[in-house]
Amino acid sequence: MIRHKFNAIRTEVDGIKFSSKREAKYWQELELGKKSGKLLFALRQVPFHLPGGVRYVLDFMEFWADGTVRMVDVKGFKTQVYTAKKKMVEALYPVEIIEV
């Protein structure tokens, strides 16, 4: 078992590899939303390209049946780099990133 630098334990669910148990658990919650019909679909690891060749990778982009689109990042630990990139994405793109 390989540990992440912030002690997150990489986890596999339904053949999909996640960076942490928390992220895998959130995915399972999204799957329940799909089964109920409330969630249409979700994309994983969505890249945002920033100036200077920098990339921000969003954990989940969710498309809900009521027309809501949510940008979600599952965070256990917020680094200064993460905070700076998140602010840059929100300044450059018409999105708000929700942290869970």
Protein backbone atom coordinates (compact mmCIF):
# COMPACT_ATOMS: atom_id res chain seq x y z
CA MET A 1 0.00 0.00 0.00
CA ILE A 2 1.42 3.38 -1.06
CA ARG A 3 0.73 6.35 1.18
CA HIS A 4 0.17 9.86 -0.09
CA LYS A 5 2.41 12.62 1.23
CA PHE A 6 -0.44 13.82 3.50
CA ASN A 7 -1.09 10.28 4.81
CA ALA A 8 -4.10 9.81 2.54
CA ILE A 9 -4.59 6.14 1.76
CA ARG A 10 -5.11 5.42 -1.93
CA THR A 11 -8.34 3.46 -2.30
CA GLU A 12 -9.97 1.50 -5.12
CA VAL A 13 -13.76 1.27 -5.54
CA ASP A 14 -15.45 -0.51 -8.46
CA GLY A 15 -12.11 -0.67 -10.27
CA ILE A 16 -11.56 3.09 -9.96
CA LYS A 17 -8.48 4.32 -8.08
CA PHE A 18 -8.90 7.31 -5.77
CA SER A 19 -6.28 9.44 -4.02
CA SER A 20 -7.91 8.95 -0.61
CA LYS A 21 -10.56 7.05 1.31
CA ARG A 22 -12.49 10.30 1.63
CA GLU A 23 -12.57 10.79 -2.14
CA ALA A 24 -13.67 7.16 -2.67
CA LYS A 25 -16.45 7.55 -0.11
CA TYR A 26 -17.66 10.73 -1.82
CA TRP A 27 -17.73 8.85 -5.15
CA GLN A 28 -19.92 6.17 -3.55
CA GLU A 29 -22.31 8.92 -2.40
CA LEU A 30 -22.43 10.22 -5.97
CA GLU A 31 -23.25 6.72 -7.21
CA LEU A 32 -26.24 6.67 -4.83
CA GLY A 33 -27.32 10.01 -6.31
CA LYS A 34 -27.17 8.47 -9.79
CA LYS A 35 -29.25 5.47 -8.71
CA SER A 36 -31.89 7.78 -7.23
CA GLY A 37 -32.03 9.79 -10.46
CA LYS A 38 -31.05 13.04 -8.76
CA LEU A 39 -27.55 13.01 -10.27
CA LEU A 40 -27.28 12.62 -14.04
CA PHE A 41 -23.53 11.99 -14.10
CA ALA A 42 -20.22 13.14 -12.66
CA LEU A 43 -16.81 13.64 -14.21
CA ARG A 44 -13.62 12.85 -12.29
CA GLN A 45 -10.25 14.59 -12.35
CA VAL A 46 -11.32 17.54 -14.53
CA PRO A 47 -8.34 19.72 -15.54
CA PHE A 48 -8.36 23.52 -15.62
CA HIS A 49 -5.49 25.05 -17.56
CA LEU A 50 -3.98 28.12 -15.91
CA PRO A 51 -1.42 30.68 -17.10
CA GLY A 52 2.20 29.61 -17.09
CA GLY A 53 1.45 26.01 -18.02
CA VAL A 54 -0.05 25.36 -14.57
CA ARG A 55 -2.87 22.86 -14.19
CA TYR A 56 -5.51 22.54 -11.49
CA VAL A 57 -7.28 19.19 -11.36
CA LEU A 58 -10.77 19.25 -9.87
CA ASP A 59 -11.89 16.04 -8.15
CA PHE A 60 -15.50 16.03 -9.39
CA MET A 61 -17.75 17.98 -11.75
CA GLU A 62 -21.34 16.99 -10.96
CA PHE A 63 -24.35 17.37 -13.27
CA TRP A 64 -27.63 17.21 -11.32
CA ALA A 65 -31.11 16.53 -12.74
CA ASP A 66 -32.36 19.94 -11.56
CA GLY A 67 -29.81 21.63 -13.87
CA THR A 68 -27.24 22.37 -11.17
CA VAL A 69 -23.58 21.86 -12.05
CA ARG A 70 -21.25 21.62 -9.06
CA MET A 71 -17.46 21.76 -8.95
CA VAL A 72 -16.31 19.73 -5.94
CA ASP A 73 -12.89 19.14 -4.44
CA VAL A 74 -12.59 16.58 -1.64
CA LYS A 75 -10.01 17.97 0.75
CA GLY A 76 -8.47 16.67 3.91
CA PHE A 77 -5.59 19.15 3.94
CA LYS A 78 -5.41 22.53 2.19
CA THR A 79 -1.96 23.59 1.05
CA GLN A 80 -0.98 27.11 0.06
CA VAL A 81 -0.48 25.91 -3.52
CA TYR A 82 -4.00 24.41 -3.59
CA THR A 83 -5.52 27.63 -2.20
CA ALA A 84 -3.68 29.79 -4.76
CA LYS A 85 -4.69 27.56 -7.69
CA LYS A 86 -8.32 27.41 -6.51
CA LYS A 87 -8.48 31.22 -6.34
CA MET A 88 -6.95 31.48 -9.80
CA VAL A 89 -9.46 29.03 -11.30
CA GLU A 90 -12.37 30.90 -9.72
CA ALA A 91 -10.99 34.22 -11.04
CA LEU A 92 -10.44 32.95 -14.59
CA TYR A 93 -13.47 30.68 -15.03
CA PRO A 94 -17.14 31.27 -14.10
CA VAL A 95 -17.10 28.57 -11.39
CA GLU A 96 -17.17 28.23 -7.63
CA ILE A 97 -15.30 25.27 -6.21
CA ILE A 98 -17.00 23.61 -3.26
CA GLU A 99 -14.76 21.86 -0.75
CA VAL A 100 -16.05 18.80 1.08
